PDB file of N, CA and C in Angstrom:
ATOM      1  N   UNK A   1     -23.983  -5.430 -13.578  1.00  0.00           N
ATOM      2  CA  UNK A   1     -23.176  -5.519 -12.393  1.00  0.00           C
ATOM      3  C   UNK A   1     -21.863  -4.785 -12.642  1.00  0.00           C
ATOM      4  N   UNK A   2     -21.440  -3.978 -11.675  1.00  0.00           N
ATOM      5  CA  UNK A   2     -20.197  -3.235 -11.811  1.00  0.00           C
ATOM      6  C   UNK A   2     -19.016  -4.075 -11.351  1.00  0.00           C
ATOM      7  N   UNK A   3     -17.892  -3.862 -11.979  1.00  0.00           N
ATOM      8  CA  UNK A   3     -16.667  -4.543 -11.595  1.00  0.00           C
ATOM      9  C   UNK A   3     -15.763  -3.579 -10.853  1.00  0.00           C
ATOM     10  N   UNK A   4     -15.087  -4.108  -9.858  1.00  0.00           N
ATOM     11  CA  UNK A   4     -14.104  -3.324  -9.128  1.00  0.00           C
ATOM     12  C   UNK A   4     -12.725  -3.778  -9.586  1.00  0.00           C
ATOM     13  N   UNK A   5     -11.925  -2.850 -10.039  1.00  0.00           N
ATOM     14  CA  UNK A   5     -10.588  -3.177 -10.524  1.00  0.00           C
ATOM     15  C   UNK A   5      -9.572  -2.547  -9.582  1.00  0.00           C
ATOM     16  N   UNK A   6      -8.717  -3.384  -9.035  1.00  0.00           N
ATOM     17  CA  UNK A   6      -7.663  -2.920  -8.142  1.00  0.00           C
ATOM     18  C   UNK A   6      -6.335  -3.269  -8.787  1.00  0.00           C
ATOM     19  N   UNK A   7      -5.496  -2.284  -8.958  1.00  0.00           N
ATOM     20  CA  UNK A   7      -4.187  -2.528  -9.554  1.00  0.00           C
ATOM     21  C   UNK A   7      -3.216  -2.958  -8.455  1.00  0.00           C
ATOM     22  N   UNK A   8      -2.680  -4.160  -8.610  1.00  0.00           N
ATOM     23  CA  UNK A   8      -1.701  -4.677  -7.654  1.00  0.00           C
ATOM     24  C   UNK A   8      -0.496  -5.197  -8.418  1.00  0.00           C
ATOM     25  N   UNK A   9       0.630  -5.237  -7.749  1.00  0.00           N
ATOM     26  CA  UNK A   9       1.837  -5.734  -8.393  1.00  0.00           C
ATOM     27  C   UNK A   9       1.915  -7.258  -8.232  1.00  0.00           C
ATOM     28  N   UNK A  10       2.855  -7.915  -8.905  1.00  0.00           N
ATOM     29  CA  UNK A  10       2.939  -9.386  -8.855  1.00  0.00           C
ATOM     30  C   UNK A  10       3.167  -9.954  -7.451  1.00  0.00           C
ATOM     31  N   UNK A  11       3.897  -9.244  -6.605  1.00  0.00           N
ATOM     32  CA  UNK A  11       4.129  -9.745  -5.247  1.00  0.00           C
ATOM     33  C   UNK A  11       2.825  -9.731  -4.455  1.00  0.00           C
ATOM     34  N   UNK A  12       2.052  -8.669  -4.584  1.00  0.00           N
ATOM     35  CA  UNK A  12       0.766  -8.602  -3.901  1.00  0.00           C
ATOM     36  C   UNK A  12      -0.181  -9.688  -4.410  1.00  0.00           C
ATOM     37  N   UNK A  13      -0.129  -9.952  -5.695  1.00  0.00           N
ATOM     38  CA  UNK A  13      -0.949 -11.018  -6.272  1.00  0.00           C
ATOM     39  C   UNK A  13      -0.546 -12.367  -5.692  1.00  0.00           C
ATOM     40  N   UNK A  14       0.737 -12.596  -5.575  1.00  0.00           N
ATOM     41  CA  UNK A  14       1.257 -13.842  -5.009  1.00  0.00           C
ATOM     42  C   UNK A  14       0.822 -13.993  -3.551  1.00  0.00           C
ATOM     43  N   UNK A  15       0.846 -12.910  -2.794  1.00  0.00           N
ATOM     44  CA  UNK A  15       0.424 -12.935  -1.390  1.00  0.00           C
ATOM     45  C   UNK A  15      -1.070 -13.240  -1.277  1.00  0.00           C
ATOM     46  N   UNK A  16      -1.871 -12.628  -2.123  1.00  0.00           N
ATOM     47  CA  UNK A  16      -3.313 -12.890  -2.094  1.00  0.00           C
ATOM     48  C   UNK A  16      -3.629 -14.337  -2.459  1.00  0.00           C
ATOM     49  N   UNK A  17      -2.895 -14.890  -3.416  1.00  0.00           N
ATOM     50  CA  UNK A  17      -3.083 -16.298  -3.765  1.00  0.00           C
ATOM     51  C   UNK A  17      -2.707 -17.203  -2.598  1.00  0.00           C
ATOM     52  N   UNK A  18      -1.617 -16.871  -1.894  1.00  0.00           N
ATOM     53  CA  UNK A  18      -1.185 -17.668  -0.745  1.00  0.00           C
ATOM     54  C   UNK A  18      -2.222 -17.622   0.367  1.00  0.00           C
ATOM     55  N   UNK A  19      -2.811 -16.457   0.602  1.00  0.00           N
ATOM     56  CA  UNK A  19      -3.858 -16.342   1.621  1.00  0.00           C
ATOM     57  C   UNK A  19      -5.055 -17.214   1.251  1.00  0.00           C
ATOM     58  N   UNK A  20      -5.415 -17.194  -0.017  1.00  0.00           N
ATOM     59  CA  UNK A  20      -6.520 -18.044  -0.485  1.00  0.00           C
ATOM     60  C   UNK A  20      -6.229 -19.524  -0.293  1.00  0.00           C
ATOM     61  N   UNK A  21      -5.010 -19.945  -0.587  1.00  0.00           N
ATOM     62  CA  UNK A  21      -4.631 -21.345  -0.390  1.00  0.00           C
ATOM     63  C   UNK A  21      -4.678 -21.731   1.080  1.00  0.00           C
ATOM     64  N   UNK A  22      -4.199 -20.844   1.958  1.00  0.00           N
ATOM     65  CA  UNK A  22      -4.229 -21.127   3.393  1.00  0.00           C
ATOM     66  C   UNK A  22      -5.664 -21.214   3.918  1.00  0.00           C
ATOM     67  N   UNK A  23      -6.536 -20.373   3.399  1.00  0.00           N
ATOM     68  CA  UNK A  23      -7.942 -20.431   3.811  1.00  0.00           C
ATOM     69  C   UNK A  23      -8.552 -21.765   3.392  1.00  0.00           C
ATOM     70  N   UNK A  24      -8.263 -22.206   2.172  1.00  0.00           N
ATOM     71  CA  UNK A  24      -8.791 -23.495   1.710  1.00  0.00           C
ATOM     72  C   UNK A  24      -8.249 -24.654   2.542  1.00  0.00           C
ATOM     73  N   UNK A  25      -6.959 -24.612   2.896  1.00  0.00           N
ATOM     74  CA  UNK A  25      -6.385 -25.654   3.748  1.00  0.00           C
ATOM     75  C   UNK A  25      -7.043 -25.657   5.118  1.00  0.00           C
ATOM     76  N   UNK A  26      -7.256 -24.460   5.653  1.00  0.00           N
ATOM     77  CA  UNK A  26      -7.852 -24.348   6.988  1.00  0.00           C
ATOM     78  C   UNK A  26      -9.281 -24.875   6.999  1.00  0.00           C
ATOM     79  N   UNK A  27     -10.048 -24.540   5.981  1.00  0.00           N
ATOM     80  CA  UNK A  27     -11.434 -24.997   5.925  1.00  0.00           C
ATOM     81  C   UNK A  27     -11.530 -26.501   5.664  1.00  0.00           C
ATOM     82  N   UNK A  28     -10.478 -27.072   5.097  1.00  0.00           N
ATOM     83  CA  UNK A  28     -10.472 -28.504   4.836  1.00  0.00           C
ATOM     84  C   UNK A  28     -10.151 -29.343   6.057  1.00  0.00           C
ATOM     85  N   UNK A  29      -9.728 -28.706   7.145  1.00  0.00           N
ATOM     86  CA  UNK A  29      -9.419 -29.446   8.357  1.00  0.00           C
ATOM     87  C   UNK A  29     -10.696 -29.921   9.029  1.00  0.00           C
ATOM     88  N   UNK A  30     -10.608 -31.116   9.614  1.00  0.00           N
ATOM     89  CA  UNK A  30     -11.788 -31.682  10.249  1.00  0.00           C
ATOM     90  C   UNK A  30     -11.948 -31.263  11.701  1.00  0.00           C
ATOM     91  N   UNK A  31     -10.834 -30.989  12.382  1.00  0.00           N
ATOM     92  CA  UNK A  31     -10.955 -30.699  13.814  1.00  0.00           C
ATOM     93  C   UNK A  31     -11.436 -29.271  14.053  1.00  0.00           C
ATOM     94  N   UNK A  32     -11.911 -29.045  15.247  1.00  0.00           N
ATOM     95  CA  UNK A  32     -12.494 -27.760  15.606  1.00  0.00           C
ATOM     96  C   UNK A  32     -11.413 -26.719  15.902  1.00  0.00           C
ATOM     97  N   UNK A  33     -10.230 -27.150  16.302  1.00  0.00           N
ATOM     98  CA  UNK A  33      -9.193 -26.223  16.739  1.00  0.00           C
ATOM     99  C   UNK A  33      -8.555 -25.432  15.607  1.00  0.00           C
ATOM    100  N   UNK A  34      -8.675 -25.898  14.390  1.00  0.00           N
ATOM    101  CA  UNK A  34      -8.120 -25.199  13.222  1.00  0.00           C
ATOM    102  C   UNK A  34      -6.649 -24.850  13.442  1.00  0.00           C
ATOM    103  N   UNK A  35      -5.788 -25.812  13.284  1.00  0.00           N
ATOM    104  CA  UNK A  35      -4.369 -25.653  13.569  1.00  0.00           C
ATOM    105  C   UNK A  35      -3.648 -24.706  12.621  1.00  0.00           C
ATOM    106  N   UNK A  36      -4.140 -24.532  11.418  1.00  0.00           N
ATOM    107  CA  UNK A  36      -3.481 -23.639  10.465  1.00  0.00           C
ATOM    108  C   UNK A  36      -3.857 -22.196  10.811  1.00  0.00           C
ATOM    109  N   UNK A  37      -2.860 -21.410  11.166  1.00  0.00           N
ATOM    110  CA  UNK A  37      -3.098 -19.993  11.437  1.00  0.00           C
ATOM    111  C   UNK A  37      -2.679 -19.187  10.215  1.00  0.00           C
ATOM    112  N   UNK A  38      -3.387 -18.128   9.983  1.00  0.00           N
ATOM    113  CA  UNK A  38      -3.094 -17.284   8.830  1.00  0.00           C
ATOM    114  C   UNK A  38      -2.508 -15.983   9.361  1.00  0.00           C
ATOM    115  N   UNK A  39      -1.195 -15.845   9.229  1.00  0.00           N
ATOM    116  CA  UNK A  39      -0.500 -14.628   9.640  1.00  0.00           C
ATOM    117  C   UNK A  39       0.621 -14.359   8.641  1.00  0.00           C
ATOM    118  N   UNK A  40       1.413 -13.336   8.880  1.00  0.00           N
ATOM    119  CA  UNK A  40       2.432 -12.960   7.899  1.00  0.00           C
ATOM    120  C   UNK A  40       3.479 -14.060   7.716  1.00  0.00           C
ATOM    121  N   UNK A  41       3.768 -14.801   8.779  1.00  0.00           N
ATOM    122  CA  UNK A  41       4.770 -15.859   8.673  1.00  0.00           C
ATOM    123  C   UNK A  41       4.275 -17.039   7.839  1.00  0.00           C
ATOM    124  N   UNK A  42       3.016 -17.442   8.054  1.00  0.00           N
ATOM    125  CA  UNK A  42       2.487 -18.557   7.272  1.00  0.00           C
ATOM    126  C   UNK A  42       2.294 -18.166   5.808  1.00  0.00           C
ATOM    127  N   UNK A  43       1.919 -16.920   5.561  1.00  0.00           N
ATOM    128  CA  UNK A  43       1.774 -16.444   4.181  1.00  0.00           C
ATOM    129  C   UNK A  43       3.136 -16.401   3.506  1.00  0.00           C
ATOM    130  N   UNK A  44       4.160 -15.918   4.234  1.00  0.00           N
ATOM    131  CA  UNK A  44       5.514 -15.857   3.677  1.00  0.00           C
ATOM    132  C   UNK A  44       6.030 -17.249   3.339  1.00  0.00           C
ATOM    133  N   UNK A  45       5.760 -18.196   4.204  1.00  0.00           N
ATOM    134  CA  UNK A  45       6.203 -19.571   3.965  1.00  0.00           C
ATOM    135  C   UNK A  45       5.491 -20.172   2.754  1.00  0.00           C
ATOM    136  N   UNK A  46       4.219 -19.854   2.602  1.00  0.00           N
ATOM    137  CA  UNK A  46       3.422 -20.411   1.510  1.00  0.00           C
ATOM    138  C   UNK A  46       3.837 -19.839   0.153  1.00  0.00           C
ATOM    139  N   UNK A  47       4.195 -18.553   0.108  1.00  0.00           N
ATOM    140  CA  UNK A  47       4.523 -17.951  -1.185  1.00  0.00           C
ATOM    141  C   UNK A  47       6.023 -17.807  -1.407  1.00  0.00           C
ATOM    142  N   UNK A  48       6.846 -18.212  -0.450  1.00  0.00           N
ATOM    143  CA  UNK A  48       8.291 -18.228  -0.654  1.00  0.00           C
ATOM    144  C   UNK A  48       8.977 -16.886  -0.521  1.00  0.00           C
ATOM    145  N   UNK A  49       8.370 -15.959   0.190  1.00  0.00           N
ATOM    146  CA  UNK A  49       8.995 -14.658   0.425  1.00  0.00           C
ATOM    147  C   UNK A  49       9.499 -14.590   1.861  1.00  0.00           C
ATOM    148  N   UNK A  50      10.316 -13.572   2.152  1.00  0.00           N
ATOM    149  CA  UNK A  50      10.723 -13.413   3.544  1.00  0.00           C
ATOM    150  C   UNK A  50       9.609 -12.688   4.302  1.00  0.00           C
ATOM    151  N   UNK A  51       9.610 -12.846   5.617  1.00  0.00           N
ATOM    152  CA  UNK A  51       8.497 -12.338   6.415  1.00  0.00           C
ATOM    153  C   UNK A  51       8.431 -10.813   6.448  1.00  0.00           C
ATOM    154  N   UNK A  52       9.567 -10.140   6.364  1.00  0.00           N
ATOM    155  CA  UNK A  52       9.546  -8.666   6.365  1.00  0.00           C
ATOM    156  C   UNK A  52       8.840  -8.126   5.129  1.00  0.00           C
ATOM    157  N   UNK A  53       9.186  -8.686   3.981  1.00  0.00           N
ATOM    158  CA  UNK A  53       8.547  -8.255   2.733  1.00  0.00           C
ATOM    159  C   UNK A  53       7.055  -8.542   2.776  1.00  0.00           C
ATOM    160  N   UNK A  54       6.707  -9.719   3.252  1.00  0.00           N
ATOM    161  CA  UNK A  54       5.297 -10.092   3.323  1.00  0.00           C
ATOM    162  C   UNK A  54       4.537  -9.169   4.259  1.00  0.00           C
ATOM    163  N   UNK A  55       5.115  -8.872   5.417  1.00  0.00           N
ATOM    164  CA  UNK A  55       4.447  -7.994   6.377  1.00  0.00           C
ATOM    165  C   UNK A  55       4.229  -6.601   5.788  1.00  0.00           C
ATOM    166  N   UNK A  56       5.234  -6.109   5.057  1.00  0.00           N
ATOM    167  CA  UNK A  56       5.120  -4.782   4.435  1.00  0.00           C
ATOM    168  C   UNK A  56       3.976  -4.746   3.420  1.00  0.00           C
ATOM    169  N   UNK A  57       3.906  -5.769   2.574  1.00  0.00           N
ATOM    170  CA  UNK A  57       2.865  -5.791   1.554  1.00  0.00           C
ATOM    171  C   UNK A  57       1.488  -6.082   2.146  1.00  0.00           C
ATOM    172  N   UNK A  58       1.426  -6.853   3.240  1.00  0.00           N
ATOM    173  CA  UNK A  58       0.135  -7.081   3.885  1.00  0.00           C
ATOM    174  C   UNK A  58      -0.419  -5.789   4.473  1.00  0.00           C
ATOM    175  N   UNK A  59       0.454  -4.961   5.037  1.00  0.00           N
ATOM    176  CA  UNK A  59      -0.004  -3.658   5.547  1.00  0.00           C
ATOM    177  C   UNK A  59      -0.515  -2.794   4.406  1.00  0.00           C
ATOM    178  N   UNK A  60       0.170  -2.856   3.262  1.00  0.00           N
ATOM    179  CA  UNK A  60      -0.245  -2.082   2.102  1.00  0.00           C
ATOM    180  C   UNK A  60      -1.606  -2.577   1.573  1.00  0.00           C
ATOM    181  N   UNK A  61      -1.775  -3.891   1.517  1.00  0.00           N
ATOM    182  CA  UNK A  61      -3.039  -4.452   1.050  1.00  0.00           C
ATOM    183  C   UNK A  61      -4.172  -4.158   2.024  1.00  0.00           C
ATOM    184  N   UNK A  62      -3.859  -4.102   3.297  1.00  0.00           N
ATOM    185  CA  UNK A  62      -4.884  -3.813   4.309  1.00  0.00           C
ATOM    186  C   UNK A  62      -5.463  -2.415   4.109  1.00  0.00           C
ATOM    187  N   UNK A  63      -4.637  -1.491   3.654  1.00  0.00           N
ATOM    188  CA  UNK A  63      -5.090  -0.115   3.454  1.00  0.00           C
ATOM    189  C   UNK A  63      -5.982   0.043   2.221  1.00  0.00           C
ATOM    190  N   UNK A  64      -5.979  -0.960   1.341  1.00  0.00           N
ATOM    191  CA  UNK A  64      -6.853  -0.873   0.162  1.00  0.00           C
ATOM    192  C   UNK A  64      -8.256  -0.997   0.630  1.00  0.00           C
TER     193      UNK A  64
END
């Protein structure tokens, strides 16, 4: 099996971890409406960055 290696900086790693945590929280909800939304603001709040920085790095990660 081949491995894919993507070089990312620590901030991008932190953002990806925050997205993973938000996905786990969202899937753990029992109701159908899924109140936890995953956007740049919720990711910024989860990883402790400001929303501008998070939005910039999310655009960069999207292009990968």
